[in-house]
Amino acid sequence: MTTGSDVIIVSTPEDVHALAVKREIEGRGGSCAILSNEAFPAAEALTYAWDGTEETRELGAARFAEPRRHSVWLRRFRPYTLDDKLHGEYRDYARRATDSTFEGILCGRARLIVNPAERNRFIDHKALQLQLALECGLPVPSTIITNEPEKALEFLSRHSRVVTKSIASWRFRLIETRFIDSSAIPDFSSIKLCPVLMQEYLAGMIEYRVTIIGMRVFTAKVDLAEAEHPVDGRLHFSRVMEAAELPTDTEARLLRFHRAAGLIYGAYDLRCDASGIPHFLEVNTDGQYLFVEIETGLPISAAMADVLLRRSQ
């Protein structure tokens, strides 16, 4: 098939976020295709060619023809399917070569990419996020990322309540934020093998889930006062979520962060301290937002459709 779609979303066919945006695009008279990367290269072919007069760009059954240009939403990549005969450095090379070719064919002539893959990879580093947040004037909880047991113990001794969270994302797995029991001295010897992230616990019962698309800000306030697990509101439906607005200075600083990070889409988590001041926790470049849209009525899918169709920024 020759794809003349206005928008191509990289995700699985059953991804509800991709389907919601596809529906919004088609409701605006645009065309949208959802393309999964999972079968490449073991079960699907990919080809780029230039013979001096004609260019060929093919991803499986999809054929990309000029002069039409499309927008791309790199919503959710799956692991590539590699042949079992590949091992070690050869398997790693095959994965990187496939990734390079797939993204190059898909994005090389795109009019818009949400978000460019290199920006996603760059901003995914938690230590980098925290440094950029501080540069943009956003309050950040006291934090340590280390593989030195002594420094971890020292940090724990200086704060009455401390939480730990994952540093790197786990694909298709939720790792919750947890309290560290400071009543007993924990054994941190194993962190020599891998750094750990610890933060002071912010005692406020208000969190903000902020979705930014282009320069449009959609804010949901989460009241965790009655939540069974207030340290991580994602784990319980007893939370109360409603559409809200951030303090003006906080929103301005968050937009400054968004621009500096080079993002078009970002899902931000902020949490208030006991005084009600929002603190930056993290941004997820492929974070979920549909639960926010369902609970608050905020038109986030519509905003994504508008940006992909280049009808707003």
C-alpha atoms as a PDB file:
ATOM      1  CA  MET A   1       0.000   0.000   0.000  1.00  0.00           C
ATOM      2  CA  THR A   2       1.132   3.557  -0.682  1.00  0.00           C
ATOM      3  CA  THR A   3       0.622   5.681   2.401  1.00  0.00           C
ATOM      4  CA  GLY A   4      -0.616   9.183   1.757  1.00  0.00           C
ATOM      5  CA  SER A   5      -1.560   9.672   5.390  1.00  0.00           C
ATOM      6  CA  ASP A   6      -1.337  13.107   6.940  1.00  0.00           C
ATOM      7  CA  VAL A   7      -0.145  11.518  10.195  1.00  0.00           C
ATOM      8  CA  ILE A   8       1.667   8.297  11.085  1.00  0.00           C
ATOM      9  CA  ILE A   9       1.670   7.121  14.688  1.00  0.00           C
ATOM     10  CA  VAL A  10       4.307   4.595  15.730  1.00  0.00           C
ATOM     11  CA  SER A  11       2.609   2.295  18.225  1.00  0.00           C
ATOM     12  CA  THR A  12       0.729  -0.979  18.488  1.00  0.00           C
ATOM     13  CA  PRO A  13      -2.689  -1.269  16.799  1.00  0.00           C
ATOM     14  CA  GLU A  14      -4.414  -1.680  20.175  1.00  0.00           C
ATOM     15  CA  ASP A  15      -2.862   1.394  21.827  1.00  0.00           C
ATOM     16  CA  VAL A  16      -5.822   3.413  23.102  1.00  0.00           C
ATOM     17  CA  HIS A  17      -3.885   6.704  22.995  1.00  0.00           C
ATOM     18  CA  ALA A  18      -3.029   6.190  19.329  1.00  0.00           C
ATOM     19  CA  LEU A  19      -6.617   5.209  18.548  1.00  0.00           C
ATOM     20  CA  ALA A  20      -8.012   8.275  20.351  1.00  0.00           C
ATOM     21  CA  VAL A  21      -5.774  10.655  18.395  1.00  0.00           C
ATOM     22  CA  LYS A  22      -6.469   8.807  15.127  1.00  0.00           C
ATOM     23  CA  ARG A  23     -10.203   9.316  15.704  1.00  0.00           C
ATOM     24  CA  GLU A  24      -9.664  13.040  16.351  1.00  0.00           C
ATOM     25  CA  ILE A  25      -7.558  13.405  13.190  1.00  0.00           C
ATOM     26  CA  GLU A  26     -10.107  11.629  11.021  1.00  0.00           C
ATOM     27  CA  GLY A  27     -12.889  13.707  12.580  1.00  0.00           C
ATOM     28  CA  ARG A  28     -11.057  16.786  11.284  1.00  0.00           C
ATOM     29  CA  GLY A  29     -10.947  15.373   7.766  1.00  0.00           C
ATOM     30  CA  GLY A  30      -7.342  14.197   8.018  1.00  0.00           C
ATOM     31  CA  SER A  31      -5.912  10.737   7.464  1.00  0.00           C
ATOM     32  CA  CYS A  32      -3.908   8.718   9.981  1.00  0.00           C
ATOM     33  CA  ALA A  33      -2.135   5.348  10.020  1.00  0.00           C
ATOM     34  CA  ILE A  34      -0.817   3.437  13.037  1.00  0.00           C
ATOM     35  CA  LEU A  35       2.451   1.645  12.279  1.00  0.00           C
ATOM     36  CA  SER A  36       4.104  -0.831  14.635  1.00  0.00           C
ATOM     37  CA  ASN A  37       7.871  -1.321  14.527  1.00  0.00           C
ATOM     38  CA  GLU A  38       7.756  -4.657  16.345  1.00  0.00           C
ATOM     39  CA  ALA A  39       7.970  -7.058  13.379  1.00  0.00           C
ATOM     40  CA  PHE A  40      11.096  -5.450  11.882  1.00  0.00           C
ATOM     41  CA  PRO A  41      13.461  -6.790  10.630  1.00  0.00           C
ATOM     42  CA  ALA A  42      12.765 -10.503  11.187  1.00  0.00           C
ATOM     43  CA  ALA A  43       9.252 -10.565   9.714  1.00  0.00           C
ATOM     44  CA  GLU A  44       9.014  -7.273   7.805  1.00  0.00           C
ATOM     45  CA  ALA A  45      11.325  -5.708   5.228  1.00  0.00           C
ATOM     46  CA  LEU A  46      12.549  -2.124   5.226  1.00  0.00           C
ATOM     47  CA  THR A  47      14.218  -0.421   2.278  1.00  0.00           C
ATOM     48  CA  TYR A  48      15.631   2.969   1.393  1.00  0.00           C
ATOM     49  CA  ALA A  49      17.077   3.437  -2.095  1.00  0.00           C
ATOM     50  CA  TRP A  50      18.123   6.213  -4.465  1.00  0.00           C
ATOM     51  CA  ASP A  51      18.967   5.251  -8.061  1.00  0.00           C
ATOM     52  CA  GLY A  52      19.932   8.692  -9.270  1.00  0.00           C
ATOM     53  CA  THR A  53      16.462   9.644 -10.429  1.00  0.00           C
ATOM     54  CA  GLU A  54      13.966   8.023  -8.070  1.00  0.00           C
ATOM     55  CA  GLU A  55      13.790   7.534  -4.313  1.00  0.00           C
ATOM     56  CA  THR A  56      12.269   4.461  -2.663  1.00  0.00           C
ATOM     57  CA  ARG A  57      11.139   4.379   0.968  1.00  0.00           C
ATOM     58  CA  GLU A  58       9.421   1.230   2.219  1.00  0.00           C
ATOM     59  CA  LEU A  59       8.501  -0.069   5.665  1.00  0.00           C
ATOM     60  CA  GLY A  60       6.804  -3.418   5.268  1.00  0.00           C
ATOM     61  CA  ALA A  61       3.674  -2.868   3.176  1.00  0.00           C
ATOM     62  CA  ALA A  62       3.915   0.914   3.581  1.00  0.00           C
ATOM     63  CA  ARG A  63       5.293   2.825   0.587  1.00  0.00           C
ATOM     64  CA  PHE A  64       6.081   6.498   1.054  1.00  0.00           C
ATOM     65  CA  ALA A  65       5.632   8.606  -2.052  1.00  0.00           C
ATOM     66  CA  GLU A  66       6.544  12.210  -2.715  1.00  0.00           C
ATOM     67  CA  PRO A  67       5.568  14.990  -2.689  1.00  0.00           C
ATOM     68  CA  ARG A  68       3.212  14.453   0.257  1.00  0.00           C
ATOM     69  CA  ARG A  69       4.805  14.973   3.668  1.00  0.00           C
ATOM     70  CA  HIS A  70       3.407  13.548   6.871  1.00  0.00           C
ATOM     71  CA  SER A  71       3.688  14.242  10.581  1.00  0.00           C
ATOM     72  CA  VAL A  72       4.998  11.504  12.873  1.00  0.00           C
ATOM     73  CA  TRP A  73       4.133  10.771  16.492  1.00  0.00           C
ATOM     74  CA  LEU A  74       6.714   8.394  17.986  1.00  0.00           C
ATOM     75  CA  ARG A  75       4.172   7.312  20.543  1.00  0.00           C
ATOM     76  CA  ARG A  76       5.396   3.935  21.762  1.00  0.00           C
ATOM     77  CA  PHE A  77       8.170   1.764  20.324  1.00  0.00           C
ATOM     78  CA  ARG A  78       8.186  -1.988  20.875  1.00  0.00           C
ATOM     79  CA  PRO A  79      11.423  -4.011  20.887  1.00  0.00           C
ATOM     80  CA  TYR A  80      12.474  -4.985  17.390  1.00  0.00           C
ATOM     81  CA  THR A  81      12.189  -8.694  16.520  1.00  0.00           C
ATOM     82  CA  LEU A  82      15.684 -10.002  15.784  1.00  0.00           C
ATOM     83  CA  ASP A  83      16.672 -13.422  14.496  1.00  0.00           C
ATOM     84  CA  ASP A  84      17.636 -15.873  17.241  1.00  0.00           C
ATOM     85  CA  LYS A  85      20.893 -16.600  15.421  1.00  0.00           C
ATOM     86  CA  LEU A  86      22.164 -13.127  16.338  1.00  0.00           C
ATOM     87  CA  HIS A  87      24.093 -12.840  19.607  1.00  0.00           C
ATOM     88  CA  GLY A  88      26.298 -10.397  21.471  1.00  0.00           C
ATOM     89  CA  GLU A  89      27.670  -7.434  19.572  1.00  0.00           C
ATOM     90  CA  TYR A  90      26.111  -8.689  16.319  1.00  0.00           C
ATOM     91  CA  ARG A  91      22.652  -8.623  17.880  1.00  0.00           C
ATOM     92  CA  ASP A  92      23.292  -5.172  19.301  1.00  0.00           C
ATOM     93  CA  TYR A  93      24.465  -3.922  15.903  1.00  0.00           C
ATOM     94  CA  ALA A  94      21.409  -5.396  14.166  1.00  0.00           C
ATOM     95  CA  ARG A  95      19.116  -3.630  16.630  1.00  0.00           C
ATOM     96  CA  ARG A  96      20.853  -0.273  16.164  1.00  0.00           C
ATOM     97  CA  ALA A  97      20.974  -0.643  12.370  1.00  0.00           C
ATOM     98  CA  THR A  98      17.272  -1.493  12.258  1.00  0.00           C
ATOM     99  CA  ASP A  99      16.386   1.413  14.525  1.00  0.00           C
ATOM    100  CA  SER A 100      18.455   3.821  12.431  1.00  0.00           C
ATOM    101  CA  THR A 101      16.891   2.648   9.173  1.00  0.00           C
ATOM    102  CA  PHE A 102      13.312   2.542  10.464  1.00  0.00           C
ATOM    103  CA  GLU A 103      13.461   6.036  11.959  1.00  0.00           C
ATOM    104  CA  GLY A 104      15.353   7.404   8.971  1.00  0.00           C
ATOM    105  CA  ILE A 105      12.806   6.169   6.438  1.00  0.00           C
ATOM    106  CA  LEU A 106       9.837   7.265   8.535  1.00  0.00           C
ATOM    107  CA  CYS A 107      11.113  10.618   9.745  1.00  0.00           C
ATOM    108  CA  GLY A 108      13.543  11.753   7.063  1.00  0.00           C
ATOM    109  CA  ARG A 109      10.953  13.766   5.136  1.00  0.00           C
ATOM    110  CA  ALA A 110       8.449  14.318   7.933  1.00  0.00           C
ATOM    111  CA  ARG A 111       7.108  17.828   8.355  1.00  0.00           C
ATOM    112  CA  LEU A 112       6.819  17.342  12.143  1.00  0.00           C
ATOM    113  CA  ILE A 113       8.075  14.711  14.616  1.00  0.00           C
ATOM    114  CA  VAL A 114       6.581  14.358  18.104  1.00  0.00           C
ATOM    115  CA  ASN A 115       9.081  14.081  19.736  1.00  0.00           C
ATOM    116  CA  PRO A 116      12.333  13.652  17.786  1.00  0.00           C
ATOM    117  CA  ALA A 117      13.872  10.398  19.057  1.00  0.00           C
ATOM    118  CA  GLU A 118      17.144  12.039  20.030  1.00  0.00           C
ATOM    119  CA  ARG A 119      15.273  14.537  22.252  1.00  0.00           C
ATOM    120  CA  ASN A 120      13.398  11.708  23.959  1.00  0.00           C
ATOM    121  CA  ARG A 121      16.635   9.843  24.641  1.00  0.00           C
ATOM    122  CA  PHE A 122      18.383  13.017  25.815  1.00  0.00           C
ATOM    123  CA  ILE A 123      15.750  14.198  28.286  1.00  0.00           C
ATOM    124  CA  ASP A 124      15.075  10.701  29.648  1.00  0.00           C
ATOM    125  CA  HIS A 125      18.092  11.088  31.958  1.00  0.00           C
ATOM    126  CA  LYS A 126      16.749  11.882  35.440  1.00  0.00           C
ATOM    127  CA  ALA A 127      19.857  13.752  36.599  1.00  0.00           C
ATOM    128  CA  LEU A 128      19.664  15.923  33.492  1.00  0.00           C
ATOM    129  CA  GLN A 129      15.960  16.643  34.085  1.00  0.00           C
ATOM    130  CA  LEU A 130      16.623  17.833  37.625  1.00  0.00           C
ATOM    131  CA  GLN A 131      19.495  20.087  36.554  1.00  0.00           C
ATOM    132  CA  LEU A 132      17.404  21.637  33.787  1.00  0.00           C
ATOM    133  CA  ALA A 133      14.467  22.146  36.165  1.00  0.00           C
ATOM    134  CA  LEU A 134      16.721  24.039  38.576  1.00  0.00           C
ATOM    135  CA  GLU A 135      18.086  26.177  35.731  1.00  0.00           C
ATOM    136  CA  CYS A 136      14.507  27.053  34.778  1.00  0.00           C
ATOM    137  CA  GLY A 137      13.682  28.117  38.344  1.00  0.00           C
ATOM    138  CA  LEU A 138      11.503  25.137  39.285  1.00  0.00           C
ATOM    139  CA  PRO A 139      11.681  23.956  42.912  1.00  0.00           C
ATOM    140  CA  VAL A 140      13.095  20.414  43.166  1.00  0.00           C
ATOM    141  CA  PRO A 141      13.013  18.148  46.254  1.00  0.00           C
ATOM    142  CA  SER A 142      16.337  17.297  47.885  1.00  0.00           C
ATOM    143  CA  THR A 143      17.630  14.410  45.790  1.00  0.00           C
ATOM    144  CA  ILE A 144      20.565  12.049  45.533  1.00  0.00           C
ATOM    145  CA  ILE A 145      21.462   9.660  42.718  1.00  0.00           C
ATOM    146  CA  THR A 146      24.419   7.529  43.709  1.00  0.00           C
ATOM    147  CA  ASN A 147      25.994   4.101  43.864  1.00  0.00           C
ATOM    148  CA  GLU A 148      27.973   4.953  47.009  1.00  0.00           C
ATOM    149  CA  PRO A 149      26.369   3.277  50.070  1.00  0.00           C
ATOM    150  CA  GLU A 150      27.891   5.791  52.503  1.00  0.00           C
ATOM    151  CA  LYS A 151      26.402   8.778  50.699  1.00  0.00           C
ATOM    152  CA  ALA A 152      23.014   7.077  50.491  1.00  0.00           C
ATOM    153  CA  LEU A 153      23.038   6.449  54.250  1.00  0.00           C
ATOM    154  CA  GLU A 154      24.075  10.038  54.920  1.00  0.00           C
ATOM    155  CA  PHE A 155      21.188  11.329  52.798  1.00  0.00           C
ATOM    156  CA  LEU A 156      18.752   9.071  54.657  1.00  0.00           C
ATOM    157  CA  SER A 157      19.979  10.381  58.015  1.00  0.00           C
ATOM    158  CA  ARG A 158      19.350  14.009  57.005  1.00  0.00           C
ATOM    159  CA  HIS A 159      15.686  13.582  56.054  1.00  0.00           C
ATOM    160  CA  SER A 160      12.825  12.321  58.181  1.00  0.00           C
ATOM    161  CA  ARG A 161      11.050  10.627  55.267  1.00  0.00           C
ATOM    162  CA  VAL A 162      12.632   9.471  52.025  1.00  0.00           C
ATOM    163  CA  VAL A 163      11.261   7.812  48.889  1.00  0.00           C
ATOM    164  CA  THR A 164      13.026   5.892  46.154  1.00  0.00           C
ATOM    165  CA  LYS A 165      12.034   5.610  42.500  1.00  0.00           C
ATOM    166  CA  SER A 166      13.433   4.128  39.314  1.00  0.00           C
ATOM    167  CA  ILE A 167      16.063   6.103  37.412  1.00  0.00           C
ATOM    168  CA  ALA A 168      15.473   4.553  34.005  1.00  0.00           C
ATOM    169  CA  SER A 169      12.130   3.612  32.520  1.00  0.00           C
ATOM    170  CA  TRP A 170      11.040  -0.017  32.486  1.00  0.00           C
ATOM    171  CA  ARG A 171       9.388  -0.864  29.202  1.00  0.00           C
ATOM    172  CA  PHE A 172       5.781  -1.979  29.782  1.00  0.00           C
ATOM    173  CA  ARG A 173       6.281  -2.251  33.545  1.00  0.00           C
ATOM    174  CA  LEU A 174       5.228   0.091  36.335  1.00  0.00           C
ATOM    175  CA  ILE A 175       7.754   0.549  39.144  1.00  0.00           C
ATOM    176  CA  GLU A 176       6.065   2.425  41.956  1.00  0.00           C
ATOM    177  CA  THR A 177       7.605   5.097  44.167  1.00  0.00           C
ATOM    178  CA  ARG A 178       8.273   3.615  47.627  1.00  0.00           C
ATOM    179  CA  PHE A 179       9.128   4.771  51.118  1.00  0.00           C
ATOM    180  CA  ILE A 180      12.482   3.749  52.565  1.00  0.00           C
ATOM    181  CA  ASP A 181      12.078   2.599  56.145  1.00  0.00           C
ATOM    182  CA  SER A 182      14.369   4.909  58.098  1.00  0.00           C
ATOM    183  CA  SER A 183      13.597   3.208  61.420  1.00  0.00           C
ATOM    184  CA  ALA A 184      16.118   0.493  60.515  1.00  0.00           C
ATOM    185  CA  ILE A 185      19.480   1.006  58.857  1.00  0.00           C
ATOM    186  CA  PRO A 186      19.061  -0.434  55.354  1.00  0.00           C
ATOM    187  CA  ASP A 187      21.719  -2.473  53.604  1.00  0.00           C
ATOM    188  CA  PHE A 188      22.824  -0.319  50.681  1.00  0.00           C
ATOM    189  CA  SER A 189      25.766  -2.501  49.688  1.00  0.00           C
ATOM    190  CA  SER A 190      24.037  -3.675  46.502  1.00  0.00           C
ATOM    191  CA  ILE A 191      23.766  -0.150  45.044  1.00  0.00           C
ATOM    192  CA  LYS A 192      27.438  -0.425  44.087  1.00  0.00           C
ATOM    193  CA  LEU A 193      26.084  -2.491  41.197  1.00  0.00           C
ATOM    194  CA  CYS A 194      23.591   0.157  40.047  1.00  0.00           C
ATOM    195  CA  PRO A 195      22.830   3.752  41.088  1.00  0.00           C
ATOM    196  CA  VAL A 196      19.728   4.465  43.152  1.00  0.00           C
ATOM    197  CA  LEU A 197      17.600   7.623  43.223  1.00  0.00           C
ATOM    198  CA  MET A 198      16.300   8.883  46.575  1.00  0.00           C
ATOM    199  CA  GLN A 199      14.303  12.028  47.316  1.00  0.00           C
ATOM    200  CA  GLU A 200      12.956  13.725  50.381  1.00  0.00           C
ATOM    201  CA  TYR A 201       9.237  12.991  50.718  1.00  0.00           C
ATOM    202  CA  LEU A 202       7.041  16.031  50.131  1.00  0.00           C
ATOM    203  CA  ALA A 203       4.254  15.956  52.678  1.00  0.00           C
ATOM    204  CA  GLY A 204       1.678  17.906  50.683  1.00  0.00           C
ATOM    205  CA  MET A 205      -1.347  15.922  49.528  1.00  0.00           C
ATOM    206  CA  ILE A 206      -1.667  17.668  46.148  1.00  0.00           C
ATOM    207  CA  GLU A 207      -0.007  16.479  42.957  1.00  0.00           C
ATOM    208  CA  TYR A 208      -0.261  17.965  39.481  1.00  0.00           C
ATOM    209  CA  ARG A 209      -0.218  15.946  36.292  1.00  0.00           C
ATOM    210  CA  VAL A 210       0.585  18.444  33.552  1.00  0.00           C
ATOM    211  CA  THR A 211       0.430  17.553  29.870  1.00  0.00           C
ATOM    212  CA  ILE A 212       2.075  20.002  27.481  1.00  0.00           C
ATOM    213  CA  ILE A 213       1.486  19.700  23.741  1.00  0.00           C
ATOM    214  CA  GLY A 214       3.213  22.352  21.677  1.00  0.00           C
ATOM    215  CA  MET A 215       2.759  25.292  24.029  1.00  0.00           C
ATOM    216  CA  ARG A 216      -0.701  24.296  25.289  1.00  0.00           C
ATOM    217  CA  VAL A 217      -0.824  23.349  28.946  1.00  0.00           C
ATOM    218  CA  PHE A 218      -3.390  20.904  30.372  1.00  0.00           C
ATOM    219  CA  THR A 219      -3.276  20.669  34.145  1.00  0.00           C
ATOM    220  CA  ALA A 220      -4.955  18.110  36.378  1.00  0.00           C
ATOM    221  CA  LYS A 221      -4.870  18.452  40.155  1.00  0.00           C
ATOM    222  CA  VAL A 222      -4.799  15.226  42.134  1.00  0.00           C
ATOM    223  CA  ASP A 223      -5.981  15.250  45.748  1.00  0.00           C
ATOM    224  CA  LEU A 224      -4.327  12.372  47.600  1.00  0.00           C
ATOM    225  CA  ALA A 225      -5.754  13.117  51.036  1.00  0.00           C
ATOM    226  CA  GLU A 226      -7.946  10.008  50.947  1.00  0.00           C
ATOM    227  CA  ALA A 227      -5.652   7.863  48.808  1.00  0.00           C
ATOM    228  CA  GLU A 228      -4.546   4.537  50.242  1.00  0.00           C
ATOM    229  CA  HIS A 229      -1.059   5.050  48.782  1.00  0.00           C
ATOM    230  CA  PRO A 230      -0.413   8.822  48.828  1.00  0.00           C
ATOM    231  CA  VAL A 231       3.263   8.439  47.947  1.00  0.00           C
ATOM    232  CA  ASP A 232       2.288   7.302  44.423  1.00  0.00           C
ATOM    233  CA  GLY A 233      -1.214   8.275  43.338  1.00  0.00           C
ATOM    234  CA  ARG A 234      -1.036   6.102  40.207  1.00  0.00           C
ATOM    235  CA  LEU A 235      -1.652   3.012  42.307  1.00  0.00           C
ATOM    236  CA  HIS A 236      -5.121   3.815  43.636  1.00  0.00           C
ATOM    237  CA  PHE A 237      -8.405   5.005  42.201  1.00  0.00           C
ATOM    238  CA  SER A 238      -9.351   6.586  45.540  1.00  0.00           C
ATOM    239  CA  ARG A 239      -7.614   9.755  44.404  1.00  0.00           C
ATOM    240  CA  VAL A 240      -9.667  12.766  43.357  1.00  0.00           C
ATOM    241  CA  MET A 241      -8.616  14.379  40.048  1.00  0.00           C
ATOM    242  CA  GLU A 242      -9.963  17.560  38.496  1.00  0.00           C
ATOM    243  CA  ALA A 243      -8.981  20.112  35.867  1.00  0.00           C
ATOM    244  CA  ALA A 244      -7.011  22.972  37.390  1.00  0.00           C
ATOM    245  CA  GLU A 245      -4.505  25.709  36.712  1.00  0.00           C
ATOM    246  CA  LEU A 246      -0.933  25.895  37.913  1.00  0.00           C
ATOM    247  CA  PRO A 247       0.321  28.989  39.702  1.00  0.00           C
ATOM    248  CA  THR A 248       1.288  31.458  36.972  1.00  0.00           C
ATOM    249  CA  ASP A 249       5.007  31.463  37.802  1.00  0.00           C
ATOM    250  CA  THR A 250       5.131  27.653  37.957  1.00  0.00           C
ATOM    251  CA  GLU A 251       3.482  27.315  34.537  1.00  0.00           C
ATOM    252  CA  ALA A 252       5.881  29.865  33.015  1.00  0.00           C
ATOM    253  CA  ARG A 253       8.892  27.987  34.383  1.00  0.00           C
ATOM    254  CA  LEU A 254       7.523  24.656  33.199  1.00  0.00           C
ATOM    255  CA  LEU A 255       7.060  26.047  29.684  1.00  0.00           C
ATOM    256  CA  ARG A 256      10.635  27.342  29.844  1.00  0.00           C
ATOM    257  CA  PHE A 257      11.749  23.786  30.698  1.00  0.00           C
ATOM    258  CA  HIS A 258       9.635  22.379  27.842  1.00  0.00           C
ATOM    259  CA  ARG A 259      11.235  24.723  25.310  1.00  0.00           C
ATOM    260  CA  ALA A 260      14.765  24.162  26.634  1.00  0.00           C
ATOM    261  CA  ALA A 261      14.268  20.375  26.455  1.00  0.00           C
ATOM    262  CA  GLY A 262      13.203  20.678  22.803  1.00  0.00           C
ATOM    263  CA  LEU A 263       9.943  18.812  23.410  1.00  0.00           C
ATOM    264  CA  ILE A 264       6.593  19.015  21.678  1.00  0.00           C
ATOM    265  CA  TYR A 265       4.886  16.501  23.993  1.00  0.00           C
ATOM    266  CA  GLY A 266       5.625  15.923  27.651  1.00  0.00           C
ATOM    267  CA  ALA A 267       3.741  14.529  30.669  1.00  0.00           C
ATOM    268  CA  TYR A 268       4.982  16.266  33.823  1.00  0.00           C
ATOM    269  CA  ASP A 269       4.604  15.270  37.455  1.00  0.00           C
ATOM    270  CA  LEU A 270       4.739  17.881  40.214  1.00  0.00           C
ATOM    271  CA  ARG A 271       4.013  17.520  43.919  1.00  0.00           C
ATOM    272  CA  CYS A 272       3.343  20.148  46.556  1.00  0.00           C
ATOM    273  CA  ASP A 273       5.244  20.425  49.812  1.00  0.00           C
ATOM    274  CA  ALA A 274       3.486  21.067  53.130  1.00  0.00           C
ATOM    275  CA  SER A 275       3.311  24.788  52.269  1.00  0.00           C
ATOM    276  CA  GLY A 276       1.542  24.111  48.974  1.00  0.00           C
ATOM    277  CA  ILE A 277       4.491  24.956  46.710  1.00  0.00           C
ATOM    278  CA  PRO A 278       4.649  22.682  43.614  1.00  0.00           C
ATOM    279  CA  HIS A 279       7.982  20.906  43.090  1.00  0.00           C
ATOM    280  CA  PHE A 280       9.175  19.360  39.843  1.00  0.00           C
ATOM    281  CA  LEU A 281       9.491  15.568  39.994  1.00  0.00           C
ATOM    282  CA  GLU A 282       9.935  14.400  36.396  1.00  0.00           C
ATOM    283  CA  VAL A 283       8.798  14.508  32.783  1.00  0.00           C
ATOM    284  CA  ASN A 284       7.879  11.481  30.679  1.00  0.00           C
ATOM    285  CA  THR A 285       8.113  11.936  26.930  1.00  0.00           C
ATOM    286  CA  ASP A 286       5.853   8.937  26.272  1.00  0.00           C
ATOM    287  CA  GLY A 287       3.769   9.264  29.430  1.00  0.00           C
ATOM    288  CA  GLN A 288       0.113   8.282  29.535  1.00  0.00           C
ATOM    289  CA  TYR A 289      -2.491  11.038  29.447  1.00  0.00           C
ATOM    290  CA  LEU A 290      -5.778   9.366  28.511  1.00  0.00           C
ATOM    291  CA  PHE A 291      -6.714   8.690  32.142  1.00  0.00           C
ATOM    292  CA  VAL A 292      -6.413  12.447  32.738  1.00  0.00           C
ATOM    293  CA  GLU A 293      -8.631  13.207  29.755  1.00  0.00           C
ATOM    294  CA  ILE A 294     -11.261  10.698  30.888  1.00  0.00           C
ATOM    295  CA  GLU A 295     -11.334  11.924  34.504  1.00  0.00           C
ATOM    296  CA  THR A 296     -11.202  15.662  33.805  1.00  0.00           C
ATOM    297  CA  GLY A 297     -12.613  16.183  30.308  1.00  0.00           C
ATOM    298  CA  LEU A 298      -9.483  18.068  29.212  1.00  0.00           C
ATOM    299  CA  PRO A 299      -9.261  17.866  25.362  1.00  0.00           C
ATOM    300  CA  ILE A 300      -5.729  16.471  25.201  1.00  0.00           C
ATOM    301  CA  SER A 301      -6.267  14.073  22.272  1.00  0.00           C
ATOM    302  CA  ALA A 302      -7.807  16.917  20.281  1.00  0.00           C
ATOM    303  CA  ALA A 303      -4.787  19.112  20.998  1.00  0.00           C
ATOM    304  CA  MET A 304      -2.426  16.369  19.827  1.00  0.00           C
ATOM    305  CA  ALA A 305      -4.453  15.967  16.616  1.00  0.00           C
ATOM    306  CA  ASP A 306      -4.284  19.715  15.987  1.00  0.00           C
ATOM    307  CA  VAL A 307      -0.511  19.797  16.437  1.00  0.00           C
ATOM    308  CA  LEU A 308       0.051  16.766  14.206  1.00  0.00           C
ATOM    309  CA  LEU A 309      -2.110  18.347  11.515  1.00  0.00           C
ATOM    310  CA  ARG A 310      -0.140  21.563  12.052  1.00  0.00           C
ATOM    311  CA  ARG A 311      -3.305  23.482  12.935  1.00  0.00           C
ATOM    312  CA  SER A 312      -1.868  24.845  16.186  1.00  0.00           C
ATOM    313  CA  GLN A 313       1.409  24.885  18.098  1.00  0.00           C
END
